Amino acid sequence: MNKPLPTLKQLRHFAALAEHRHFGKAAAACFVTQSTLSASLKELEEILQAPLVDRTKRQVVLTPLGEETVARARKLLEDARELTLAAQAAREPLSGTVRLGVIPTIAPFLLPRILPGLRTAYPKLKLYLREEQTAPLVAQLQDGHLDVLLMALPYVSGNVETAELFNDRFSLALPKDHPLARQRKIEASAARRETLLLLEDGHCLRDHALSACRIGAKSHAEAFEATSLQTLVQMAANGLGVTLLPQLAIDGGILAGSNLVTRPMAVDEPWREIALVWRKGTGRREEFQLLAKEIRKLAKA
């Protein structure tokens, strides 16, 4: 006699409880009553013949088996979601939901250029955006909370596939009256002698900028750091130092109203690679390749 198996509904309810650690909040997230969610969890525990949750008045604590089960549940739920979306994509590509993660040094400069065209070409595409630093975005991609990332390479991202979109060249931004502004190209050695303003640790652009100047992270002074490219521009405009900016931000008008000019670096490959990244083995590979093709075309327009 075949034993009953957990249902996707039961697994979804349990995953919500594991995320919120509160029956009421988990029920609200699943759009069910608290009694319905409690009954669903009880059914799941009866099927597995083991407790998944230690219930106390103050908090919900998962048992060791519960922790293992929720990890498997999330994988099964994501596989079921991908199965549905892959079938939809086969019927009509880029017509369903895509959860896109974008890093802050790309989002405000590239998205305004590509989103109108994507909406026009694929009106049924529901693109949900999340802007965050690279490391948490990669973690969310691997966990199944995001479908695809718009990010800068090189960056170690694990078991993923990438579609390269374009090179984003770095230029040195400095005040108009700075002595280096008279040069057509800036040598890396000259840039290293300046106070180099960088983004704070955690932004991949920081490492890319250091690489462009041939500077090791350990040898760089940590005194001047910013949380955004806009702040870097303000710091440089106020005479605190010079900074490296990607062409994407320069074309996006980040220097408008400032007293800064840009000069190219006289070094080989002073750029970062903008790419679309997704989990290897996804059933939506062809759909994401099509999305990369569209972004590549719109970015050049």
C-alpha atoms as a PDB file:
ATOM      1  CA  MET A   1       0.000   0.000   0.000  1.00  0.00           C
ATOM      2  CA  ASN A   2       1.390   3.371  -1.068  1.00  0.00           C
ATOM      3  CA  LYS A   3       1.896   5.864   1.727  1.00  0.00           C
ATOM      4  CA  PRO A   4       0.476   9.374   1.257  1.00  0.00           C
ATOM      5  CA  LEU A   5       2.912  12.053   0.160  1.00  0.00           C
ATOM      6  CA  PRO A   6       3.085  15.702   1.231  1.00  0.00           C
ATOM      7  CA  THR A   7       1.177  18.098  -0.991  1.00  0.00           C
ATOM      8  CA  LEU A   8       2.566  21.320  -2.400  1.00  0.00           C
ATOM      9  CA  LYS A   9       0.002  23.217  -0.332  1.00  0.00           C
ATOM     10  CA  GLN A  10       1.261  21.633   2.875  1.00  0.00           C
ATOM     11  CA  LEU A  11       4.861  22.345   1.939  1.00  0.00           C
ATOM     12  CA  ARG A  12       4.017  25.947   1.038  1.00  0.00           C
ATOM     13  CA  HIS A  13       2.302  26.486   4.386  1.00  0.00           C
ATOM     14  CA  PHE A  14       5.231  24.964   6.251  1.00  0.00           C
ATOM     15  CA  ALA A  15       7.767  27.056   4.306  1.00  0.00           C
ATOM     16  CA  ALA A  16       5.813  30.207   5.186  1.00  0.00           C
ATOM     17  CA  LEU A  17       5.790  29.250   8.866  1.00  0.00           C
ATOM     18  CA  ALA A  18       9.544  28.624   8.767  1.00  0.00           C
ATOM     19  CA  GLU A  19      10.081  32.046   7.205  1.00  0.00           C
ATOM     20  CA  HIS A  20       7.838  34.076   9.518  1.00  0.00           C
ATOM     21  CA  ARG A  21       8.158  31.956  12.702  1.00  0.00           C
ATOM     22  CA  HIS A  22       4.616  33.008  13.560  1.00  0.00           C
ATOM     23  CA  PHE A  23       1.369  31.173  12.735  1.00  0.00           C
ATOM     24  CA  GLY A  24      -0.674  34.323  12.209  1.00  0.00           C
ATOM     25  CA  LYS A  25       1.867  36.002   9.930  1.00  0.00           C
ATOM     26  CA  ALA A  26       2.447  32.794   7.974  1.00  0.00           C
ATOM     27  CA  ALA A  27      -1.286  32.327   7.472  1.00  0.00           C
ATOM     28  CA  ALA A  28      -1.640  35.907   6.238  1.00  0.00           C
ATOM     29  CA  ALA A  29       1.236  35.398   3.801  1.00  0.00           C
ATOM     30  CA  CYS A  30      -0.533  32.321   2.404  1.00  0.00           C
ATOM     31  CA  PHE A  31      -3.966  34.043   2.351  1.00  0.00           C
ATOM     32  CA  VAL A  32      -5.512  31.383   4.613  1.00  0.00           C
ATOM     33  CA  THR A  33      -6.835  31.380   8.148  1.00  0.00           C
ATOM     34  CA  GLN A  34      -4.557  30.462  11.030  1.00  0.00           C
ATOM     35  CA  SER A  35      -6.629  27.358  11.744  1.00  0.00           C
ATOM     36  CA  THR A  36      -6.234  26.229   8.120  1.00  0.00           C
ATOM     37  CA  LEU A  37      -2.467  26.643   8.286  1.00  0.00           C
ATOM     38  CA  SER A  38      -2.289  24.812  11.637  1.00  0.00           C
ATOM     39  CA  ALA A  39      -4.341  21.936  10.226  1.00  0.00           C
ATOM     40  CA  SER A  40      -2.102  21.783   7.151  1.00  0.00           C
ATOM     41  CA  LEU A  41       1.005  21.556   9.322  1.00  0.00           C
ATOM     42  CA  LYS A  42      -0.568  18.845  11.472  1.00  0.00           C
ATOM     43  CA  GLU A  43      -1.401  16.816   8.334  1.00  0.00           C
ATOM     44  CA  LEU A  44       2.202  17.188   7.137  1.00  0.00           C
ATOM     45  CA  GLU A  45       3.570  15.987  10.474  1.00  0.00           C
ATOM     46  CA  GLU A  46       1.195  13.003  10.406  1.00  0.00           C
ATOM     47  CA  ILE A  47       2.358  12.068   6.923  1.00  0.00           C
ATOM     48  CA  LEU A  48       6.014  12.306   7.968  1.00  0.00           C
ATOM     49  CA  GLN A  49       5.237  10.751  11.375  1.00  0.00           C
ATOM     50  CA  ALA A  50       7.513  13.228  13.138  1.00  0.00           C
ATOM     51  CA  PRO A  51       7.207  16.709  14.686  1.00  0.00           C
ATOM     52  CA  LEU A  52       8.514  19.582  12.553  1.00  0.00           C
ATOM     53  CA  VAL A  53       7.856  22.446  14.967  1.00  0.00           C
ATOM     54  CA  ASP A  54       8.244  22.966  18.703  1.00  0.00           C
ATOM     55  CA  ARG A  55       5.266  25.088  19.679  1.00  0.00           C
ATOM     56  CA  THR A  56       5.640  27.522  22.548  1.00  0.00           C
ATOM     57  CA  LYS A  57       3.624  30.570  23.552  1.00  0.00           C
ATOM     58  CA  ARG A  58       6.401  32.975  22.587  1.00  0.00           C
ATOM     59  CA  GLN A  59       7.926  31.587  19.412  1.00  0.00           C
ATOM     60  CA  VAL A  60       7.916  28.924  16.737  1.00  0.00           C
ATOM     61  CA  VAL A  61      11.084  26.804  16.694  1.00  0.00           C
ATOM     62  CA  LEU A  62      11.782  24.224  14.009  1.00  0.00           C
ATOM     63  CA  THR A  63      13.013  20.803  15.071  1.00  0.00           C
ATOM     64  CA  PRO A  64      16.200  19.468  13.425  1.00  0.00           C
ATOM     65  CA  LEU A  65      13.973  17.440  11.078  1.00  0.00           C
ATOM     66  CA  GLY A  66      11.929  20.593  10.466  1.00  0.00           C
ATOM     67  CA  GLU A  67      15.035  22.508   9.359  1.00  0.00           C
ATOM     68  CA  GLU A  68      15.962  19.724   6.960  1.00  0.00           C
ATOM     69  CA  THR A  69      12.394  19.415   5.701  1.00  0.00           C
ATOM     70  CA  VAL A  70      11.938  23.124   4.992  1.00  0.00           C
ATOM     71  CA  ALA A  71      15.124  23.171   2.892  1.00  0.00           C
ATOM     72  CA  ARG A  72      13.761  20.300   0.812  1.00  0.00           C
ATOM     73  CA  ALA A  73      10.319  21.901   0.707  1.00  0.00           C
ATOM     74  CA  ARG A  74      11.675  25.155  -0.703  1.00  0.00           C
ATOM     75  CA  LYS A  75      13.533  23.250  -3.412  1.00  0.00           C
ATOM     76  CA  LEU A  76      10.408  21.286  -4.358  1.00  0.00           C
ATOM     77  CA  LEU A  77       8.288  24.451  -4.413  1.00  0.00           C
ATOM     78  CA  GLU A  78      10.806  26.250  -6.614  1.00  0.00           C
ATOM     79  CA  ASP A  79      10.994  23.250  -8.968  1.00  0.00           C
ATOM     80  CA  ALA A  80       7.189  23.236  -9.222  1.00  0.00           C
ATOM     81  CA  ARG A  81       7.192  26.973  -9.916  1.00  0.00           C
ATOM     82  CA  GLU A  82       9.863  26.600 -12.597  1.00  0.00           C
ATOM     83  CA  LEU A  83       7.945  23.724 -14.173  1.00  0.00           C
ATOM     84  CA  THR A  84       4.880  25.927 -14.551  1.00  0.00           C
ATOM     85  CA  LEU A  85       6.808  28.932 -15.833  1.00  0.00           C
ATOM     86  CA  ALA A  86       8.873  26.835 -18.251  1.00  0.00           C
ATOM     87  CA  ALA A  87       5.672  25.472 -19.776  1.00  0.00           C
ATOM     88  CA  GLN A  88       4.330  29.016 -20.063  1.00  0.00           C
ATOM     89  CA  ALA A  89       7.584  30.208 -21.633  1.00  0.00           C
ATOM     90  CA  ALA A  90       7.408  27.408 -24.197  1.00  0.00           C
ATOM     91  CA  ARG A  91       3.975  28.666 -25.260  1.00  0.00           C
ATOM     92  CA  GLU A  92       4.885  32.368 -25.199  1.00  0.00           C
ATOM     93  CA  PRO A  93       8.387  33.497 -24.144  1.00  0.00           C
ATOM     94  CA  LEU A  94       8.702  36.386 -21.671  1.00  0.00           C
ATOM     95  CA  SER A  95       5.009  36.394 -20.895  1.00  0.00           C
ATOM     96  CA  GLY A  96       5.085  35.454 -17.204  1.00  0.00           C
ATOM     97  CA  THR A  97       6.784  36.488 -13.992  1.00  0.00           C
ATOM     98  CA  VAL A  98      10.523  37.103 -13.829  1.00  0.00           C
ATOM     99  CA  ARG A  99      12.143  38.127 -10.528  1.00  0.00           C
ATOM    100  CA  LEU A 100      15.183  40.178 -11.489  1.00  0.00           C
ATOM    101  CA  GLY A 101      17.906  41.199  -9.054  1.00  0.00           C
ATOM    102  CA  VAL A 102      19.993  44.252  -9.983  1.00  0.00           C
ATOM    103  CA  ILE A 103      23.016  45.773  -8.254  1.00  0.00           C
ATOM    104  CA  PRO A 104      22.868  49.487  -7.275  1.00  0.00           C
ATOM    105  CA  THR A 105      25.665  50.551  -9.631  1.00  0.00           C
ATOM    106  CA  ILE A 106      23.640  49.281 -12.602  1.00  0.00           C
ATOM    107  CA  ALA A 107      19.967  49.720 -11.722  1.00  0.00           C
ATOM    108  CA  PRO A 108      19.475  53.536 -11.907  1.00  0.00           C
ATOM    109  CA  PHE A 109      21.510  53.884 -15.092  1.00  0.00           C
ATOM    110  CA  LEU A 110      20.548  50.874 -17.221  1.00  0.00           C
ATOM    111  CA  LEU A 111      16.955  50.118 -16.221  1.00  0.00           C
ATOM    112  CA  PRO A 112      15.520  53.417 -17.549  1.00  0.00           C
ATOM    113  CA  ARG A 113      17.074  52.563 -20.927  1.00  0.00           C
ATOM    114  CA  ILE A 114      15.736  49.017 -21.204  1.00  0.00           C
ATOM    115  CA  LEU A 115      12.442  48.798 -19.309  1.00  0.00           C
ATOM    116  CA  PRO A 116      10.288  50.855 -21.729  1.00  0.00           C
ATOM    117  CA  GLY A 117      11.450  48.709 -24.649  1.00  0.00           C
ATOM    118  CA  LEU A 118      10.827  45.477 -22.755  1.00  0.00           C
ATOM    119  CA  ARG A 119       7.303  46.616 -21.849  1.00  0.00           C
ATOM    120  CA  THR A 120       6.600  47.449 -25.485  1.00  0.00           C
ATOM    121  CA  ALA A 121       8.024  44.225 -26.914  1.00  0.00           C
ATOM    122  CA  TYR A 122       6.660  41.918 -24.190  1.00  0.00           C
ATOM    123  CA  PRO A 123       3.568  43.476 -22.606  1.00  0.00           C
ATOM    124  CA  LYS A 124       2.713  40.247 -20.757  1.00  0.00           C
ATOM    125  CA  LEU A 125       6.083  40.134 -18.991  1.00  0.00           C
ATOM    126  CA  LYS A 126       5.768  40.806 -15.260  1.00  0.00           C
ATOM    127  CA  LEU A 127       9.209  41.955 -14.187  1.00  0.00           C
ATOM    128  CA  TYR A 128       9.673  42.225 -10.421  1.00  0.00           C
ATOM    129  CA  LEU A 129      12.852  44.075  -9.453  1.00  0.00           C
ATOM    130  CA  ARG A 130      15.062  43.831  -6.385  1.00  0.00           C
ATOM    131  CA  GLU A 131      18.031  46.169  -5.970  1.00  0.00           C
ATOM    132  CA  GLU A 132      20.763  45.044  -3.588  1.00  0.00           C
ATOM    133  CA  GLN A 133      24.484  44.397  -3.358  1.00  0.00           C
ATOM    134  CA  THR A 134      25.923  41.447  -5.259  1.00  0.00           C
ATOM    135  CA  ALA A 135      26.481  38.931  -2.440  1.00  0.00           C
ATOM    136  CA  PRO A 136      22.898  38.905  -1.107  1.00  0.00           C
ATOM    137  CA  LEU A 137      21.514  38.834  -4.645  1.00  0.00           C
ATOM    138  CA  VAL A 138      23.618  35.776  -5.512  1.00  0.00           C
ATOM    139  CA  ALA A 139      22.434  34.079  -2.310  1.00  0.00           C
ATOM    140  CA  GLN A 140      18.806  34.800  -3.207  1.00  0.00           C
ATOM    141  CA  LEU A 141      19.364  33.457  -6.717  1.00  0.00           C
ATOM    142  CA  GLN A 142      20.798  30.218  -5.348  1.00  0.00           C
ATOM    143  CA  ASP A 143      17.944  29.938  -2.808  1.00  0.00           C
ATOM    144  CA  GLY A 144      15.319  30.338  -5.535  1.00  0.00           C
ATOM    145  CA  HIS A 145      14.019  33.713  -4.341  1.00  0.00           C
ATOM    146  CA  LEU A 146      15.220  35.358  -7.564  1.00  0.00           C
ATOM    147  CA  ASP A 147      15.179  34.028 -11.119  1.00  0.00           C
ATOM    148  CA  VAL A 148      17.930  36.019 -12.781  1.00  0.00           C
ATOM    149  CA  LEU A 149      20.485  38.721 -11.936  1.00  0.00           C
ATOM    150  CA  LEU A 150      21.741  41.772 -13.776  1.00  0.00           C
ATOM    151  CA  MET A 151      25.242  42.166 -12.348  1.00  0.00           C
ATOM    152  CA  ALA A 152      28.886  42.953 -13.051  1.00  0.00           C
ATOM    153  CA  LEU A 153      31.660  40.432 -13.613  1.00  0.00           C
ATOM    154  CA  PRO A 154      34.069  39.117 -12.549  1.00  0.00           C
ATOM    155  CA  TYR A 155      32.342  37.789  -9.454  1.00  0.00           C
ATOM    156  CA  VAL A 156      32.308  34.256  -8.053  1.00  0.00           C
ATOM    157  CA  SER A 157      28.644  33.232  -8.196  1.00  0.00           C
ATOM    158  CA  GLY A 158      28.636  29.453  -7.858  1.00  0.00           C
ATOM    159  CA  ASN A 159      26.745  27.086 -10.148  1.00  0.00           C
ATOM    160  CA  VAL A 160      25.380  29.616 -12.645  1.00  0.00           C
ATOM    161  CA  GLU A 161      25.255  30.418 -16.338  1.00  0.00           C
ATOM    162  CA  THR A 162      25.994  33.869 -17.680  1.00  0.00           C
ATOM    163  CA  ALA A 163      25.144  35.808 -20.810  1.00  0.00           C
ATOM    164  CA  GLU A 164      27.544  38.693 -21.348  1.00  0.00           C
ATOM    165  CA  LEU A 165      25.824  41.916 -22.373  1.00  0.00           C
ATOM    166  CA  PHE A 166      28.495  44.602 -22.813  1.00  0.00           C
ATOM    167  CA  ASN A 167      31.724  46.022 -21.417  1.00  0.00           C
ATOM    168  CA  ASP A 168      31.377  48.979 -19.046  1.00  0.00           C
ATOM    169  CA  ARG A 169      34.596  50.999 -19.193  1.00  0.00           C
ATOM    170  CA  PHE A 170      35.992  52.919 -16.211  1.00  0.00           C
ATOM    171  CA  SER A 171      37.122  56.543 -16.370  1.00  0.00           C
ATOM    172  CA  LEU A 172      38.731  58.686 -13.714  1.00  0.00           C
ATOM    173  CA  ALA A 173      36.455  61.492 -12.518  1.00  0.00           C
ATOM    174  CA  LEU A 174      38.166  64.571 -11.117  1.00  0.00           C
ATOM    175  CA  PRO A 175      37.631  68.348 -10.809  1.00  0.00           C
ATOM    176  CA  LYS A 176      38.167  70.428 -13.964  1.00  0.00           C
ATOM    177  CA  ASP A 177      41.049  72.314 -12.370  1.00  0.00           C
ATOM    178  CA  HIS A 178      42.886  69.177 -11.206  1.00  0.00           C
ATOM    179  CA  PRO A 179      46.401  68.837 -12.735  1.00  0.00           C
ATOM    180  CA  LEU A 180      45.547  65.377 -14.131  1.00  0.00           C
ATOM    181  CA  ALA A 181      42.582  66.852 -16.021  1.00  0.00           C
ATOM    182  CA  ARG A 182      45.062  68.252 -18.570  1.00  0.00           C
ATOM    183  CA  GLN A 183      46.088  64.712 -19.584  1.00  0.00           C
ATOM    184  CA  ARG A 184      44.276  62.802 -22.329  1.00  0.00           C
ATOM    185  CA  LYS A 185      44.708  59.476 -20.515  1.00  0.00           C
ATOM    186  CA  ILE A 186      45.569  58.733 -16.899  1.00  0.00           C
ATOM    187  CA  GLU A 187      48.275  56.243 -16.055  1.00  0.00           C
ATOM    188  CA  ALA A 188      47.468  53.810 -13.249  1.00  0.00           C
ATOM    189  CA  SER A 189      50.567  54.976 -11.390  1.00  0.00           C
ATOM    190  CA  ALA A 190      49.275  58.573 -11.428  1.00  0.00           C
ATOM    191  CA  ALA A 191      45.860  57.488 -10.140  1.00  0.00           C
ATOM    192  CA  ARG A 192      47.503  55.545  -7.321  1.00  0.00           C
ATOM    193  CA  ARG A 193      49.191  58.725  -6.074  1.00  0.00           C
ATOM    194  CA  GLU A 194      45.818  60.412  -5.606  1.00  0.00           C
ATOM    195  CA  THR A 195      43.302  59.978  -2.800  1.00  0.00           C
ATOM    196  CA  LEU A 196      41.052  57.405  -4.454  1.00  0.00           C
ATOM    197  CA  LEU A 197      37.429  57.547  -3.354  1.00  0.00           C
ATOM    198  CA  LEU A 198      35.666  54.178  -3.449  1.00  0.00           C
ATOM    199  CA  LEU A 199      32.389  52.568  -2.525  1.00  0.00           C
ATOM    200  CA  GLU A 200      32.268  50.813   0.819  1.00  0.00           C
ATOM    201  CA  ASP A 201      33.123  47.147   1.131  1.00  0.00           C
ATOM    202  CA  GLY A 202      30.384  44.893  -0.251  1.00  0.00           C
ATOM    203  CA  HIS A 203      29.996  46.683  -3.583  1.00  0.00           C
ATOM    204  CA  CYS A 204      31.624  44.664  -6.355  1.00  0.00           C
ATOM    205  CA  LEU A 205      32.386  47.933  -8.164  1.00  0.00           C
ATOM    206  CA  ARG A 206      34.902  48.660  -5.418  1.00  0.00           C
ATOM    207  CA  ASP A 207      36.973  45.605  -6.345  1.00  0.00           C
ATOM    208  CA  HIS A 208      36.604  46.318 -10.068  1.00  0.00           C
ATOM    209  CA  ALA A 209      37.821  49.904  -9.553  1.00  0.00           C
ATOM    210  CA  LEU A 210      40.812  48.775  -7.497  1.00  0.00           C
ATOM    211  CA  SER A 211      41.674  46.280 -10.220  1.00  0.00           C
ATOM    212  CA  ALA A 212      41.452  48.990 -12.898  1.00  0.00           C
ATOM    213  CA  CYS A 213      44.034  51.050 -10.973  1.00  0.00           C
ATOM    214  CA  ARG A 214      46.155  47.972 -10.241  1.00  0.00           C
ATOM    215  CA  ILE A 215      45.674  48.531  -6.511  1.00  0.00           C
ATOM    216  CA  GLY A 216      45.268  45.726  -3.997  1.00  0.00           C
ATOM    217  CA  ALA A 217      42.447  46.072  -1.481  1.00  0.00           C
ATOM    218  CA  LYS A 218      44.880  45.702   1.419  1.00  0.00           C
ATOM    219  CA  SER A 219      47.062  48.555   0.188  1.00  0.00           C
ATOM    220  CA  HIS A 220      44.207  51.009  -0.246  1.00  0.00           C
ATOM    221  CA  ALA A 221      43.529  53.514   2.531  1.00  0.00           C
ATOM    222  CA  GLU A 222      40.070  52.996   4.040  1.00  0.00           C
ATOM    223  CA  ALA A 223      39.511  56.626   5.042  1.00  0.00           C
ATOM    224  CA  PHE A 224      37.144  57.670   2.263  1.00  0.00           C
ATOM    225  CA  GLU A 225      34.242  55.419   1.330  1.00  0.00           C
ATOM    226  CA  ALA A 226      30.700  55.991   0.071  1.00  0.00           C
ATOM    227  CA  THR A 227      27.466  54.034  -0.140  1.00  0.00           C
ATOM    228  CA  SER A 228      26.538  55.124  -3.688  1.00  0.00           C
ATOM    229  CA  LEU A 229      28.067  56.462  -6.890  1.00  0.00           C
ATOM    230  CA  GLN A 230      26.132  59.699  -6.386  1.00  0.00           C
ATOM    231  CA  THR A 231      27.895  60.199  -3.048  1.00  0.00           C
ATOM    232  CA  LEU A 232      31.276  59.509  -4.648  1.00  0.00           C
ATOM    233  CA  VAL A 233      30.584  62.261  -7.188  1.00  0.00           C
ATOM    234  CA  GLN A 234      29.713  64.727  -4.423  1.00  0.00           C
ATOM    235  CA  MET A 235      32.855  63.833  -2.467  1.00  0.00           C
ATOM    236  CA  ALA A 236      35.072  64.266  -5.537  1.00  0.00           C
ATOM    237  CA  ALA A 237      33.335  67.539  -6.458  1.00  0.00           C
ATOM    238  CA  ASN A 238      34.139  68.869  -2.987  1.00  0.00           C
ATOM    239  CA  GLY A 239      37.837  68.212  -3.387  1.00  0.00           C
ATOM    240  CA  LEU A 240      38.138  65.103  -1.226  1.00  0.00           C
ATOM    241  CA  GLY A 241      39.827  63.081  -3.956  1.00  0.00           C
ATOM    242  CA  VAL A 242      39.259  61.443  -7.325  1.00  0.00           C
ATOM    243  CA  THR A 243      37.127  58.448  -8.193  1.00  0.00           C
ATOM    244  CA  LEU A 244      36.530  55.876 -10.899  1.00  0.00           C
ATOM    245  CA  LEU A 245      33.135  55.825 -12.591  1.00  0.00           C
ATOM    246  CA  PRO A 246      31.702  53.291 -15.038  1.00  0.00           C
ATOM    247  CA  GLN A 247      30.617  54.591 -18.445  1.00  0.00           C
ATOM    248  CA  LEU A 248      27.090  53.396 -17.699  1.00  0.00           C
ATOM    249  CA  ALA A 249      26.791  55.975 -14.919  1.00  0.00           C
ATOM    250  CA  ILE A 250      28.496  58.703 -16.954  1.00  0.00           C
ATOM    251  CA  ASP A 251      26.089  58.163 -19.862  1.00  0.00           C
ATOM    252  CA  GLY A 252      23.263  58.179 -17.319  1.00  0.00           C
ATOM    253  CA  GLY A 253      24.098  61.783 -16.398  1.00  0.00           C
ATOM    254  CA  ILE A 254      25.633  61.229 -12.978  1.00  0.00           C
ATOM    255  CA  LEU A 255      28.006  64.202 -13.488  1.00  0.00           C
ATOM    256  CA  ALA A 256      25.244  66.660 -14.389  1.00  0.00           C
ATOM    257  CA  GLY A 257      25.598  69.888 -12.414  1.00  0.00           C
ATOM    258  CA  SER A 258      29.009  68.962 -10.992  1.00  0.00           C
ATOM    259  CA  ASN A 259      32.444  70.452 -11.653  1.00  0.00           C
ATOM    260  CA  LEU A 260      33.905  67.077 -12.608  1.00  0.00           C
ATOM    261  CA  VAL A 261      35.350  65.844 -15.873  1.00  0.00           C
ATOM    262  CA  THR A 262      36.368  62.319 -16.840  1.00  0.00           C
ATOM    263  CA  ARG A 263      39.532  60.956 -18.378  1.00  0.00           C
ATOM    264  CA  PRO A 264      40.082  57.384 -19.633  1.00  0.00           C
ATOM    265  CA  MET A 265      42.593  55.118 -17.923  1.00  0.00           C
ATOM    266  CA  ALA A 266      45.747  54.227 -19.873  1.00  0.00           C
ATOM    267  CA  VAL A 267      45.649  50.557 -18.844  1.00  0.00           C
ATOM    268  CA  ASP A 268      44.512  47.368 -20.543  1.00  0.00           C
ATOM    269  CA  GLU A 269      40.921  46.271 -19.927  1.00  0.00           C
ATOM    270  CA  PRO A 270      39.856  48.921 -17.384  1.00  0.00           C
ATOM    271  CA  TRP A 271      36.276  47.744 -17.415  1.00  0.00           C
ATOM    272  CA  ARG A 272      33.697  45.489 -15.812  1.00  0.00           C
ATOM    273  CA  GLU A 273      31.512  43.064 -17.737  1.00  0.00           C
ATOM    274  CA  ILE A 274      27.749  43.574 -17.425  1.00  0.00           C
ATOM    275  CA  ALA A 275      25.976  40.227 -17.611  1.00  0.00           C
ATOM    276  CA  LEU A 276      22.725  38.398 -17.025  1.00  0.00           C
ATOM    277  CA  VAL A 277      23.137  35.455 -14.633  1.00  0.00           C
ATOM    278  CA  TRP A 278      20.811  32.547 -13.815  1.00  0.00           C
ATOM    279  CA  ARG A 279      20.977  29.179 -12.046  1.00  0.00           C
ATOM    280  CA  LYS A 280      22.523  26.414 -14.113  1.00  0.00           C
ATOM    281  CA  GLY A 281      19.995  23.733 -14.997  1.00  0.00           C
ATOM    282  CA  THR A 282      16.917  25.948 -14.936  1.00  0.00           C
ATOM    283  CA  GLY A 283      14.126  25.020 -17.302  1.00  0.00           C
ATOM    284  CA  ARG A 284      13.885  28.658 -18.367  1.00  0.00           C
ATOM    285  CA  ARG A 285      17.349  28.867 -19.926  1.00  0.00           C
ATOM    286  CA  GLU A 286      16.097  29.724 -23.421  1.00  0.00           C
ATOM    287  CA  GLU A 287      13.784  32.384 -22.024  1.00  0.00           C
ATOM    288  CA  PHE A 288      16.621  34.036 -20.105  1.00  0.00           C
ATOM    289  CA  GLN A 289      18.854  33.894 -23.182  1.00  0.00           C
ATOM    290  CA  LEU A 290      16.116  35.744 -25.058  1.00  0.00           C
ATOM    291  CA  LEU A 291      15.911  38.299 -22.237  1.00  0.00           C
ATOM    292  CA  ALA A 292      19.684  38.806 -22.472  1.00  0.00           C
ATOM    293  CA  LYS A 293      19.412  39.315 -26.230  1.00  0.00           C
ATOM    294  CA  GLU A 294      16.707  41.958 -25.742  1.00  0.00           C
ATOM    295  CA  ILE A 295      18.658  43.774 -23.017  1.00  0.00           C
ATOM    296  CA  ARG A 296      21.787  43.739 -25.163  1.00  0.00           C
ATOM    297  CA  LYS A 297      19.860  45.297 -28.060  1.00  0.00           C
ATOM    298  CA  LEU A 298      18.100  47.920 -25.927  1.00  0.00           C
ATOM    299  CA  ALA A 299      21.306  48.908 -24.114  1.00  0.00           C
ATOM    300  CA  LYS A 300      22.914  49.807 -27.444  1.00  0.00           C
ATOM    301  CA  ALA A 301      19.949  51.860 -28.646  1.00  0.00           C
END
